[in-house]
All heavy atoms as atom14 arrays in JSON, in Angstrom:
{
  "sequence": "LFEVLVRATGEGGEALADWQAVASRRSEATAQAAAEEERERTGRSRSR",
  "atom14_mask": [
    [1, 1, 1, 1, 1, 1, 1, 1, 0, 0, 0, 0, 0, 0],
    [1, 1, 1, 1, 1, 1, 1, 1, 1, 1, 1, 0, 0, 0],
    [1, 1, 1, 1, 1, 1, 1, 1, 1, 0, 0, 0, 0, 0],
    [1, 1, 1, 1, 1, 1, 1, 0, 0, 0, 0, 0, 0, 0],
    [1, 1, 1, 1, 1, 1, 1, 1, 0, 0, 0, 0, 0, 0],
    [1, 1, 1, 1, 1, 1, 1, 0, 0, 0, 0, 0, 0, 0],
    [1, 1, 1, 1, 1, 1, 1, 1, 1, 1, 1, 0, 0, 0],
    [1, 1, 1, 1, 1, 0, 0, 0, 0, 0, 0, 0, 0, 0],
    [1, 1, 1, 1, 1, 1, 1, 0, 0, 0, 0, 0, 0, 0],
    [1, 1, 1, 1, 0, 0, 0, 0, 0, 0, 0, 0, 0, 0],
    [1, 1, 1, 1, 1, 1, 1, 1, 1, 0, 0, 0, 0, 0],
    [1, 1, 1, 1, 0, 0, 0, 0, 0, 0, 0, 0, 0, 0],
    [1, 1, 1, 1, 0, 0, 0, 0, 0, 0, 0, 0, 0, 0],
    [1, 1, 1, 1, 1, 1, 1, 1, 1, 0, 0, 0, 0, 0],
    [1, 1, 1, 1, 1, 0, 0, 0, 0, 0, 0, 0, 0, 0],
    [1, 1, 1, 1, 1, 1, 1, 1, 0, 0, 0, 0, 0, 0],
    [1, 1, 1, 1, 1, 0, 0, 0, 0, 0, 0, 0, 0, 0],
    [1, 1, 1, 1, 1, 1, 1, 1, 0, 0, 0, 0, 0, 0],
    [1, 1, 1, 1, 1, 1, 1, 1, 1, 1, 1, 1, 1, 1],
    [1, 1, 1, 1, 1, 1, 1, 1, 1, 0, 0, 0, 0, 0],
    [1, 1, 1, 1, 1, 0, 0, 0, 0, 0, 0, 0, 0, 0],
    [1, 1, 1, 1, 1, 1, 1, 0, 0, 0, 0, 0, 0, 0],
    [1, 1, 1, 1, 1, 0, 0, 0, 0, 0, 0, 0, 0, 0],
    [1, 1, 1, 1, 1, 1, 0, 0, 0, 0, 0, 0, 0, 0],
    [1, 1, 1, 1, 1, 1, 1, 1, 1, 1, 1, 0, 0, 0],
    [1, 1, 1, 1, 1, 1, 1, 1, 1, 1, 1, 0, 0, 0],
    [1, 1, 1, 1, 1, 1, 0, 0, 0, 0, 0, 0, 0, 0],
    [1, 1, 1, 1, 1, 1, 1, 1, 1, 0, 0, 0, 0, 0],
    [1, 1, 1, 1, 1, 0, 0, 0, 0, 0, 0, 0, 0, 0],
    [1, 1, 1, 1, 1, 1, 1, 0, 0, 0, 0, 0, 0, 0],
    [1, 1, 1, 1, 1, 0, 0, 0, 0, 0, 0, 0, 0, 0],
    [1, 1, 1, 1, 1, 1, 1, 1, 1, 0, 0, 0, 0, 0],
    [1, 1, 1, 1, 1, 0, 0, 0, 0, 0, 0, 0, 0, 0],
    [1, 1, 1, 1, 1, 0, 0, 0, 0, 0, 0, 0, 0, 0],
    [1, 1, 1, 1, 1, 0, 0, 0, 0, 0, 0, 0, 0, 0],
    [1, 1, 1, 1, 1, 1, 1, 1, 1, 0, 0, 0, 0, 0],
    [1, 1, 1, 1, 1, 1, 1, 1, 1, 0, 0, 0, 0, 0],
    [1, 1, 1, 1, 1, 1, 1, 1, 1, 0, 0, 0, 0, 0],
    [1, 1, 1, 1, 1, 1, 1, 1, 1, 1, 1, 0, 0, 0],
    [1, 1, 1, 1, 1, 1, 1, 1, 1, 0, 0, 0, 0, 0],
    [1, 1, 1, 1, 1, 1, 1, 1, 1, 1, 1, 0, 0, 0],
    [1, 1, 1, 1, 1, 1, 1, 0, 0, 0, 0, 0, 0, 0],
    [1, 1, 1, 1, 0, 0, 0, 0, 0, 0, 0, 0, 0, 0],
    [1, 1, 1, 1, 1, 1, 1, 1, 1, 1, 1, 0, 0, 0],
    [1, 1, 1, 1, 1, 1, 0, 0, 0, 0, 0, 0, 0, 0],
    [1, 1, 1, 1, 1, 1, 1, 1, 1, 1, 1, 0, 0, 0],
    [1, 1, 1, 1, 1, 1, 0, 0, 0, 0, 0, 0, 0, 0],
    [1, 1, 1, 1, 1, 1, 1, 1, 1, 1, 1, 0, 0, 0]
  ],
  "atom14_positions": [
    [[101.79, 86.92, 90.26], [101.49, 85.94, 89.21], [100.27, 85.11, 89.58], [99.44, 84.78, 88.72], [102.7, 85.02, 88.99], [103.95, 85.65, 88.39], [105.03, 84.59, 88.2], [103.65, 86.34, 87.07], [0.0, 0.0, 0.0], [0.0, 0.0, 0.0], [0.0, 0.0, 0.0], [0.0, 0.0, 0.0], [0.0, 0.0, 0.0], [0.0, 0.0, 0.0]],
    [[100.15, 84.76, 90.85], [98.99, 84.0, 91.32], [97.71, 84.8, 91.07], [96.71, 84.28, 90.58], [99.15, 83.69, 92.81], [98.35, 82.5, 93.28], [98.76, 81.8, 94.41], [97.2, 82.07, 92.63], [98.05, 80.7, 94.86], [96.47, 80.98, 93.07], [96.9, 80.3, 94.19], [0.0, 0.0, 0.0], [0.0, 0.0, 0.0], [0.0, 0.0, 0.0]],
    [[97.76, 86.1, 91.36], [96.57, 86.93, 91.14], [96.24, 87.04, 89.66], [95.06, 87.01, 89.28], [96.76, 88.32, 91.75], [95.52, 89.19, 91.62], [95.61, 90.51, 92.35], [96.62, 90.73, 93.05], [94.67, 91.31, 92.21], [0.0, 0.0, 0.0], [0.0, 0.0, 0.0], [0.0, 0.0, 0.0], [0.0, 0.0, 0.0], [0.0, 0.0, 0.0]],
    [[97.26, 87.18, 88.82], [97.03, 87.21, 87.38], [96.33, 85.93, 86.93], [95.37, 85.95, 86.14], [98.35, 87.41, 86.61], [98.17, 87.16, 85.11], [98.89, 88.82, 86.84], [0.0, 0.0, 0.0], [0.0, 0.0, 0.0], [0.0, 0.0, 0.0], [0.0, 0.0, 0.0], [0.0, 0.0, 0.0], [0.0, 0.0, 0.0], [0.0, 0.0, 0.0]],
    [[96.81, 84.8, 87.43], [96.23, 83.51, 87.07], [94.76, 83.43, 87.47], [93.9, 83.0, 86.69], [97.02, 82.39, 87.75], [96.51, 80.96, 87.51], [96.8, 80.53, 86.09], [97.15, 79.99, 88.5], [0.0, 0.0, 0.0], [0.0, 0.0, 0.0], [0.0, 0.0, 0.0], [0.0, 0.0, 0.0], [0.0, 0.0, 0.0], [0.0, 0.0, 0.0]],
    [[94.45, 83.85, 88.69], [93.07, 83.77, 89.18], [92.18, 84.71, 88.38], [91.05, 84.36, 88.0], [93.02, 84.11, 90.68], [91.58, 84.24, 91.17], [93.74, 83.01, 91.49], [0.0, 0.0, 0.0], [0.0, 0.0, 0.0], [0.0, 0.0, 0.0], [0.0, 0.0, 0.0], [0.0, 0.0, 0.0], [0.0, 0.0, 0.0], [0.0, 0.0, 0.0]],
    [[92.67, 85.92, 88.1], [91.87, 86.86, 87.31], [91.62, 86.33, 85.9], [90.56, 86.57, 85.33], [92.56, 88.23, 87.25], [92.5, 89.03, 88.55], [93.27, 90.33, 88.41], [93.17, 91.16, 89.6], [92.23, 92.05, 89.84], [91.29, 92.27, 88.91], [92.22, 92.76, 90.94], [0.0, 0.0, 0.0], [0.0, 0.0, 0.0], [0.0, 0.0, 0.0]],
    [[92.6, 85.64, 85.35], [92.47, 85.13, 83.99], [91.53, 83.94, 83.91], [90.66, 83.88, 83.04], [93.84, 84.75, 83.43], [0.0, 0.0, 0.0], [0.0, 0.0, 0.0], [0.0, 0.0, 0.0], [0.0, 0.0, 0.0], [0.0, 0.0, 0.0], [0.0, 0.0, 0.0], [0.0, 0.0, 0.0], [0.0, 0.0, 0.0], [0.0, 0.0, 0.0]],
    [[91.69, 82.99, 84.82], [90.96, 81.72, 84.72], [89.72, 81.66, 85.58], [88.85, 80.81, 85.37], [91.87, 80.55, 85.1], [92.23, 80.66, 86.5], [93.15, 80.56, 84.26], [0.0, 0.0, 0.0], [0.0, 0.0, 0.0], [0.0, 0.0, 0.0], [0.0, 0.0, 0.0], [0.0, 0.0, 0.0], [0.0, 0.0, 0.0], [0.0, 0.0, 0.0]],
    [[89.65, 82.52, 86.6], [88.52, 82.46, 87.53], [88.62, 81.32, 88.52], [87.67, 81.05, 89.27], [0.0, 0.0, 0.0], [0.0, 0.0, 0.0], [0.0, 0.0, 0.0], [0.0, 0.0, 0.0], [0.0, 0.0, 0.0], [0.0, 0.0, 0.0], [0.0, 0.0, 0.0], [0.0, 0.0, 0.0], [0.0, 0.0, 0.0], [0.0, 0.0, 0.0]],
    [[89.78, 80.65, 88.56], [89.97, 79.51, 89.45], [91.07, 79.82, 90.46], [92.0, 80.56, 90.18], [90.35, 78.26, 88.65], [89.3, 77.86, 87.62], [89.75, 76.7, 86.76], [90.89, 76.22, 86.98], [88.99, 76.29, 85.86], [0.0, 0.0, 0.0], [0.0, 0.0, 0.0], [0.0, 0.0, 0.0], [0.0, 0.0, 0.0], [0.0, 0.0, 0.0]],
    [[90.95, 79.21, 91.66], [91.98, 79.36, 92.69], [91.79, 80.58, 93.56], [92.71, 80.97, 94.27], [0.0, 0.0, 0.0], [0.0, 0.0, 0.0], [0.0, 0.0, 0.0], [0.0, 0.0, 0.0], [0.0, 0.0, 0.0], [0.0, 0.0, 0.0], [0.0, 0.0, 0.0], [0.0, 0.0, 0.0], [0.0, 0.0, 0.0], [0.0, 0.0, 0.0]],
    [[90.6, 81.15, 93.55], [90.36, 82.37, 94.32], [90.54, 82.19, 95.82], [91.09, 83.07, 96.5], [0.0, 0.0, 0.0], [0.0, 0.0, 0.0], [0.0, 0.0, 0.0], [0.0, 0.0, 0.0], [0.0, 0.0, 0.0], [0.0, 0.0, 0.0], [0.0, 0.0, 0.0], [0.0, 0.0, 0.0], [0.0, 0.0, 0.0], [0.0, 0.0, 0.0]],
    [[90.1, 81.05, 96.38], [90.22, 80.82, 97.81], [91.69, 80.69, 98.22], [92.12, 81.25, 99.24], [89.44, 79.57, 98.21], [87.93, 79.72, 98.12], [87.21, 78.49, 98.64], [87.88, 77.61, 99.23], [85.97, 78.42, 98.47], [0.0, 0.0, 0.0], [0.0, 0.0, 0.0], [0.0, 0.0, 0.0], [0.0, 0.0, 0.0], [0.0, 0.0, 0.0]],
    [[92.45, 79.95, 97.43], [93.88, 79.79, 97.73], [94.6, 81.13, 97.65], [95.46, 81.44, 98.48], [94.51, 78.79, 96.77], [0.0, 0.0, 0.0], [0.0, 0.0, 0.0], [0.0, 0.0, 0.0], [0.0, 0.0, 0.0], [0.0, 0.0, 0.0], [0.0, 0.0, 0.0], [0.0, 0.0, 0.0], [0.0, 0.0, 0.0], [0.0, 0.0, 0.0]],
    [[94.24, 81.95, 96.66], [94.84, 83.28, 96.55], [94.5, 84.12, 97.77], [95.37, 84.8, 98.32], [94.35, 83.98, 95.28], [94.77, 85.44, 95.13], [96.28, 85.57, 95.01], [94.09, 86.07, 93.9], [0.0, 0.0, 0.0], [0.0, 0.0, 0.0], [0.0, 0.0, 0.0], [0.0, 0.0, 0.0], [0.0, 0.0, 0.0], [0.0, 0.0, 0.0]],
    [[93.25, 84.07, 98.21], [92.84, 84.85, 99.38], [93.63, 84.44, 100.61], [94.02, 85.29, 101.44], [91.34, 84.68, 99.62], [0.0, 0.0, 0.0], [0.0, 0.0, 0.0], [0.0, 0.0, 0.0], [0.0, 0.0, 0.0], [0.0, 0.0, 0.0], [0.0, 0.0, 0.0], [0.0, 0.0, 0.0], [0.0, 0.0, 0.0], [0.0, 0.0, 0.0]],
    [[93.9, 83.14, 100.75], [94.7, 82.67, 101.88], [96.1, 83.26, 101.85], [96.65, 83.71, 102.86], [94.77, 81.14, 101.88], [93.43, 80.49, 102.21], [92.56, 81.18, 102.77], [93.27, 79.3, 101.89], [0.0, 0.0, 0.0], [0.0, 0.0, 0.0], [0.0, 0.0, 0.0], [0.0, 0.0, 0.0], [0.0, 0.0, 0.0], [0.0, 0.0, 0.0]],
    [[96.71, 83.25, 100.66], [98.06, 83.8, 100.54], [98.06, 85.31, 100.75], [99.01, 85.86, 101.32], [98.65, 83.45, 99.17], [99.25, 82.09, 99.11], [98.83, 81.03, 98.38], [100.4, 81.64, 99.83], [99.64, 79.94, 98.6], [100.62, 80.29, 99.47], [101.28, 82.24, 100.73], [101.67, 79.54, 99.99], [102.33, 81.5, 101.25], [102.52, 80.17, 100.89]],
    [[97.03, 85.99, 100.28], [96.95, 87.44, 100.49], [96.81, 87.75, 101.97], [97.34, 88.77, 102.45], [95.79, 88.02, 99.69], [96.06, 88.03, 98.18], [94.85, 88.47, 97.38], [93.71, 88.26, 97.77], [95.1, 89.07, 96.21], [0.0, 0.0, 0.0], [0.0, 0.0, 0.0], [0.0, 0.0, 0.0], [0.0, 0.0, 0.0], [0.0, 0.0, 0.0]],
    [[96.11, 86.89, 102.72], [96.01, 87.07, 104.17], [97.38, 86.89, 104.82], [97.75, 87.64, 105.74], [95.0, 86.08, 104.75], [0.0, 0.0, 0.0], [0.0, 0.0, 0.0], [0.0, 0.0, 0.0], [0.0, 0.0, 0.0], [0.0, 0.0, 0.0], [0.0, 0.0, 0.0], [0.0, 0.0, 0.0], [0.0, 0.0, 0.0], [0.0, 0.0, 0.0]],
    [[98.15, 85.91, 104.35], [99.5, 85.71, 104.86], [100.35, 86.95, 104.57], [101.1, 87.42, 105.43], [100.14, 84.46, 104.22], [101.62, 84.36, 104.6], [99.41, 83.2, 104.64], [0.0, 0.0, 0.0], [0.0, 0.0, 0.0], [0.0, 0.0, 0.0], [0.0, 0.0, 0.0], [0.0, 0.0, 0.0], [0.0, 0.0, 0.0], [0.0, 0.0, 0.0]],
    [[100.24, 87.48, 103.36], [100.99, 88.68, 103.0], [100.6, 89.87, 103.87], [101.45, 90.67, 104.27], [100.76, 89.01, 101.52], [0.0, 0.0, 0.0], [0.0, 0.0, 0.0], [0.0, 0.0, 0.0], [0.0, 0.0, 0.0], [0.0, 0.0, 0.0], [0.0, 0.0, 0.0], [0.0, 0.0, 0.0], [0.0, 0.0, 0.0], [0.0, 0.0, 0.0]],
    [[99.3, 89.99, 104.18], [98.83, 91.08, 105.02], [99.41, 90.97, 106.42], [99.86, 91.97, 107.0], [97.3, 91.08, 105.07], [96.83, 92.11, 105.89], [0.0, 0.0, 0.0], [0.0, 0.0, 0.0], [0.0, 0.0, 0.0], [0.0, 0.0, 0.0], [0.0, 0.0, 0.0], [0.0, 0.0, 0.0], [0.0, 0.0, 0.0], [0.0, 0.0, 0.0]],
    [[99.4, 89.74, 106.99], [99.97, 89.56, 108.33], [101.47, 89.86, 108.33], [101.99, 90.46, 109.27], [99.72, 88.13, 108.81], [98.26, 87.85, 109.14], [98.11, 86.55, 109.91], [98.49, 85.38, 109.12], [97.65, 84.71, 108.35], [96.38, 85.11, 108.23], [98.06, 83.65, 107.68], [0.0, 0.0, 0.0], [0.0, 0.0, 0.0], [0.0, 0.0, 0.0]],
    [[102.15, 89.47, 107.25], [103.58, 89.78, 107.14], [103.8, 91.29, 107.12], [104.7, 91.81, 107.81], [104.14, 89.16, 105.86], [105.62, 89.44, 105.64], [105.99, 89.34, 104.17], [105.29, 90.33, 103.38], [105.47, 90.49, 102.07], [106.28, 89.69, 101.42], [104.8, 91.42, 101.4], [0.0, 0.0, 0.0], [0.0, 0.0, 0.0], [0.0, 0.0, 0.0]],
    [[102.98, 92.01, 106.37], [103.12, 93.46, 106.28], [102.87, 94.11, 107.63], [103.58, 95.05, 108.02], [102.16, 94.02, 105.23], [102.45, 93.49, 103.95], [0.0, 0.0, 0.0], [0.0, 0.0, 0.0], [0.0, 0.0, 0.0], [0.0, 0.0, 0.0], [0.0, 0.0, 0.0], [0.0, 0.0, 0.0], [0.0, 0.0, 0.0], [0.0, 0.0, 0.0]],
    [[101.84, 93.63, 108.34], [101.55, 94.18, 109.67], [102.7, 93.93, 110.63], [103.1, 94.8, 111.41], [100.26, 93.57, 110.2], [99.01, 94.01, 109.45], [97.79, 93.23, 109.89], [97.92, 92.37, 110.79], [96.7, 93.49, 109.34], [0.0, 0.0, 0.0], [0.0, 0.0, 0.0], [0.0, 0.0, 0.0], [0.0, 0.0, 0.0], [0.0, 0.0, 0.0]],
    [[103.26, 92.7, 110.57], [104.39, 92.36, 111.44], [105.6, 93.22, 111.11], [106.32, 93.69, 112.0], [104.72, 90.88, 111.31], [0.0, 0.0, 0.0], [0.0, 0.0, 0.0], [0.0, 0.0, 0.0], [0.0, 0.0, 0.0], [0.0, 0.0, 0.0], [0.0, 0.0, 0.0], [0.0, 0.0, 0.0], [0.0, 0.0, 0.0], [0.0, 0.0, 0.0]],
    [[105.83, 93.43, 109.8], [106.97, 94.25, 109.38], [106.8, 95.69, 109.85], [107.75, 96.31, 110.33], [107.11, 94.21, 107.85], [107.29, 92.86, 107.42], [108.28, 95.06, 107.38], [0.0, 0.0, 0.0], [0.0, 0.0, 0.0], [0.0, 0.0, 0.0], [0.0, 0.0, 0.0], [0.0, 0.0, 0.0], [0.0, 0.0, 0.0], [0.0, 0.0, 0.0]],
    [[105.57, 96.21, 109.72], [105.3, 97.59, 110.17], [105.47, 97.71, 111.67], [106.02, 98.71, 112.17], [103.9, 98.0, 109.75], [0.0, 0.0, 0.0], [0.0, 0.0, 0.0], [0.0, 0.0, 0.0], [0.0, 0.0, 0.0], [0.0, 0.0, 0.0], [0.0, 0.0, 0.0], [0.0, 0.0, 0.0], [0.0, 0.0, 0.0], [0.0, 0.0, 0.0]],
    [[105.0, 96.69, 112.4], [105.13, 96.72, 113.86], [106.6, 96.67, 114.27], [107.02, 97.4, 115.17], [104.37, 95.55, 114.47], [104.38, 95.55, 116.0], [103.54, 94.4, 116.56], [102.87, 93.7, 115.82], [103.6, 94.23, 117.87], [0.0, 0.0, 0.0], [0.0, 0.0, 0.0], [0.0, 0.0, 0.0], [0.0, 0.0, 0.0], [0.0, 0.0, 0.0]],
    [[107.37, 95.81, 113.6], [108.79, 95.72, 113.91], [109.5, 97.03, 113.62], [110.37, 97.47, 114.39], [109.43, 94.59, 113.11], [0.0, 0.0, 0.0], [0.0, 0.0, 0.0], [0.0, 0.0, 0.0], [0.0, 0.0, 0.0], [0.0, 0.0, 0.0], [0.0, 0.0, 0.0], [0.0, 0.0, 0.0], [0.0, 0.0, 0.0], [0.0, 0.0, 0.0]],
    [[109.11, 97.69, 112.51], [109.72, 98.97, 112.17], [109.38, 100.03, 113.2], [110.22, 100.85, 113.58], [109.26, 99.4, 110.78], [0.0, 0.0, 0.0], [0.0, 0.0, 0.0], [0.0, 0.0, 0.0], [0.0, 0.0, 0.0], [0.0, 0.0, 0.0], [0.0, 0.0, 0.0], [0.0, 0.0, 0.0], [0.0, 0.0, 0.0], [0.0, 0.0, 0.0]],
    [[108.13, 99.99, 113.67], [107.71, 100.96, 114.68], [108.46, 100.73, 115.99], [108.89, 101.7, 116.65], [106.2, 100.85, 114.91], [0.0, 0.0, 0.0], [0.0, 0.0, 0.0], [0.0, 0.0, 0.0], [0.0, 0.0, 0.0], [0.0, 0.0, 0.0], [0.0, 0.0, 0.0], [0.0, 0.0, 0.0], [0.0, 0.0, 0.0], [0.0, 0.0, 0.0]],
    [[108.63, 99.46, 116.36], [109.38, 99.17, 117.59], [110.83, 99.6, 117.47], [111.41, 100.15, 118.41], [109.29, 97.67, 117.88], [107.9, 97.2, 118.32], [107.83, 95.71, 118.51], [108.86, 95.04, 118.27], [106.75, 95.21, 118.91], [0.0, 0.0, 0.0], [0.0, 0.0, 0.0], [0.0, 0.0, 0.0], [0.0, 0.0, 0.0], [0.0, 0.0, 0.0]],
    [[111.42, 99.36, 116.3], [112.8, 99.79, 116.09], [112.93, 101.3, 116.17], [113.89, 101.83, 116.73], [113.28, 99.29, 114.73], [114.74, 99.61, 114.45], [115.19, 99.08, 113.1], [114.48, 98.23, 112.51], [116.26, 99.51, 112.62], [0.0, 0.0, 0.0], [0.0, 0.0, 0.0], [0.0, 0.0, 0.0], [0.0, 0.0, 0.0], [0.0, 0.0, 0.0]],
    [[111.93, 102.0, 115.63], [111.95, 103.47, 115.69], [111.83, 103.94, 117.13], [112.51, 104.9, 117.55], [110.82, 104.04, 114.84], [110.72, 105.56, 114.86], [111.95, 106.22, 114.26], [112.65, 105.6, 113.45], [112.21, 107.39, 114.64], [0.0, 0.0, 0.0], [0.0, 0.0, 0.0], [0.0, 0.0, 0.0], [0.0, 0.0, 0.0], [0.0, 0.0, 0.0]],
    [[110.96, 103.28, 117.91], [110.83, 103.66, 119.32], [112.13, 103.41, 120.08], [112.55, 104.23, 120.9], [109.69, 102.87, 119.97], [108.3, 103.37, 119.58], [107.24, 102.82, 120.51], [107.12, 101.37, 120.39], [106.29, 100.77, 119.53], [105.52, 101.5, 118.73], [106.23, 99.46, 119.47], [0.0, 0.0, 0.0], [0.0, 0.0, 0.0], [0.0, 0.0, 0.0]],
    [[112.77, 102.28, 119.8], [114.05, 102.0, 120.46], [115.11, 103.02, 120.07], [115.88, 103.49, 120.9], [114.52, 100.59, 120.08], [113.67, 99.47, 120.69], [114.14, 98.1, 120.23], [115.16, 98.04, 119.49], [113.51, 97.1, 120.6], [0.0, 0.0, 0.0], [0.0, 0.0, 0.0], [0.0, 0.0, 0.0], [0.0, 0.0, 0.0], [0.0, 0.0, 0.0]],
    [[115.14, 103.38, 118.77], [116.11, 104.37, 118.3], [115.85, 105.72, 118.96], [116.78, 106.41, 119.38], [116.03, 104.48, 116.78], [117.14, 105.34, 116.21], [117.34, 105.13, 114.7], [116.09, 105.19, 113.98], [115.53, 104.14, 113.37], [116.13, 102.96, 113.42], [114.39, 104.25, 112.72], [0.0, 0.0, 0.0], [0.0, 0.0, 0.0], [0.0, 0.0, 0.0]],
    [[114.56, 106.08, 119.08], [114.21, 107.35, 119.74], [114.6, 107.32, 121.2], [115.12, 108.3, 121.75], [112.7, 107.6, 119.61], [112.35, 107.64, 118.23], [112.32, 108.92, 120.26], [0.0, 0.0, 0.0], [0.0, 0.0, 0.0], [0.0, 0.0, 0.0], [0.0, 0.0, 0.0], [0.0, 0.0, 0.0], [0.0, 0.0, 0.0], [0.0, 0.0, 0.0]],
    [[114.35, 106.14, 121.87], [114.72, 106.01, 123.28], [116.22, 106.12, 123.48], [116.67, 106.79, 124.42], [0.0, 0.0, 0.0], [0.0, 0.0, 0.0], [0.0, 0.0, 0.0], [0.0, 0.0, 0.0], [0.0, 0.0, 0.0], [0.0, 0.0, 0.0], [0.0, 0.0, 0.0], [0.0, 0.0, 0.0], [0.0, 0.0, 0.0], [0.0, 0.0, 0.0]],
    [[117.0, 105.49, 122.61], [118.45, 105.59, 122.73], [118.93, 107.01, 122.54], [119.84, 107.49, 123.21], [119.12, 104.66, 121.71], [118.97, 103.18, 122.02], [119.92, 102.33, 121.18], [119.62, 102.45, 119.76], [118.8, 101.63, 119.11], [118.16, 100.66, 119.76], [118.59, 101.77, 117.82], [0.0, 0.0, 0.0], [0.0, 0.0, 0.0], [0.0, 0.0, 0.0]],
    [[118.28, 107.71, 121.58], [118.66, 109.11, 121.33], [118.37, 109.97, 122.55], [119.18, 110.82, 122.93], [117.91, 109.63, 120.11], [118.21, 110.98, 119.87], [0.0, 0.0, 0.0], [0.0, 0.0, 0.0], [0.0, 0.0, 0.0], [0.0, 0.0, 0.0], [0.0, 0.0, 0.0], [0.0, 0.0, 0.0], [0.0, 0.0, 0.0], [0.0, 0.0, 0.0]],
    [[117.21, 109.75, 123.17], [116.86, 110.53, 124.38], [117.85, 110.23, 125.5], [118.25, 111.15, 126.24], [115.45, 110.2, 124.81], [114.37, 110.78, 123.89], [113.01, 110.29, 124.3], [111.96, 110.87, 123.46], [110.7, 110.47, 123.49], [110.32, 109.48, 124.3], [109.81, 111.05, 122.69], [0.0, 0.0, 0.0], [0.0, 0.0, 0.0], [0.0, 0.0, 0.0]],
    [[118.22, 108.96, 125.64], [119.17, 108.6, 126.7], [120.5, 109.29, 126.48], [121.12, 109.79, 127.44], [119.37, 107.08, 126.73], [118.16, 106.43, 127.06], [0.0, 0.0, 0.0], [0.0, 0.0, 0.0], [0.0, 0.0, 0.0], [0.0, 0.0, 0.0], [0.0, 0.0, 0.0], [0.0, 0.0, 0.0], [0.0, 0.0, 0.0], [0.0, 0.0, 0.0]],
    [[120.96, 109.34, 125.22], [122.23, 110.01, 124.94], [122.14, 111.49, 125.26], [123.08, 112.09, 125.81], [122.62, 109.8, 123.48], [123.15, 108.41, 123.16], [123.83, 108.37, 121.81], [122.87, 108.65, 120.74], [122.18, 107.71, 120.11], [122.33, 106.43, 120.44], [121.34, 108.03, 119.14], [0.0, 0.0, 0.0], [0.0, 0.0, 0.0], [0.0, 0.0, 0.0]]
  ]
}
């Protein structure tokens, strides 16, 4: 919705960019956590 607003009005672009950066860091953290969980799951499987 924030992006729709900025595209419509042309205002708030900097604030939107800040939030998109937060979303990007969240996605990277989520991907990293998923990768670590997969490595742990693989390690447990090898141990078994």
